[in-house]
Amino acid sequence: MVKIARLYYEFGYKQEEIAKMEGLSKAKVSRLLDKAHKEGIVEIKVVYPQQEVRELAKELSNHFGLKKVVVVPVIVDHPDAVRNDLGKAVANFLHEIIQKNDVLGVSWGTTLPFVTKQLSTVEGKDITVVQLNGGVTKNYLASQSGIIVEGFVHAFQATPYMLPVPTIVDSIELATAIVNDSNVKQAMILAKQARIALFGIGRASYDSVLVEAGYFKKGKYDELLAKGAVGDICSRFFRLDGSIVDEELNQRTVGIGLEELANKEYSIAVANGEEKAAAIIGALRGKYVNTLFIDEAAAQKCLELIN
């Protein structure tokens, strides 16, 4: 299998030529090549330049007064392909701005794992990585919070500070007690001190990570949507104008406040898909974001909604 794979991929022999050389049928050669790929003997990597849709980025930046906007083109119309391109763009930007002794705050969601996959290893900068909001859920895999933090810690050889608590709890009193725990308090202090915050923008819908994680029963989520929720950042819900949807729910949420994100030197949001447009606009109108990474489809839909 290795021999056939090398002949085909490294030395450019055609399958017919390999079949003749090895005394095999062409179909057998094809099956072995497929098996080599599935077993990881062959890895295929498409290398292409990172492009931006600059006109869309400029319009969004001017309209909302943002520090930086990157809009990646939709080369392949598949969510994971788009997230991979966004991940590459965000990772490159982080490597540009990260400084010695920085504190980097990260949230969780479906897009951030694609950022960690694209990070290069950085040593000797004494970075601290802190989780911005609680990540323990009934469905542990829903948030991927531990995996995401570990990815950043590994890339930056950083010191981690986790928030091993639920992101939304049953009462304000319980949230207050959790935040006052010494271990949680240290992480919260670091989250406030972080020069850079990186997070996804969630869409208020029944396929939300927070719904999948078991934080809401259908009736309660219906109430949230009826109050005008369009999206969330760090599990805190806002309307299209950026205002907080439910103050009582907001006080039951464990993690950094949206007003604190607004004061960061780099408050970096990443989101993909035109269905996220209303959530993106709400986040921008609330001024919780100053640096935005989105895809072409999301950018076009945002501009349609604001024009």
Foldseek 3Di string as FASTA:
>chain_A
DLVLLCCCPVVPDDLVVVCVVVVHDSVVSVVVNVVCPVVVVDDDDDDDDWDFPVVLFVVVCVVLVFPGETAGECPDPDVVVQLLSLLQVVQVVCVVPDAAAAEEEEEFADRLVSVLVNHAAADDRAYEYFYFFEQDFPPNVLGCGVVSQVSVCRRDVYHYQYLPDDQFDDFLVVLVVSCPDPSNVVRQVSSLVGLAYEWEKAFLDCVTSCNVRPVDDPVVSVVQVVLAWGIDTSPFTAHLLQHGRDVRRVSRGGGDDLVSLLPHNANEYEDEDLSSQSRVNNSSNNSSHRYYYYYPNNSVSNVVVVD
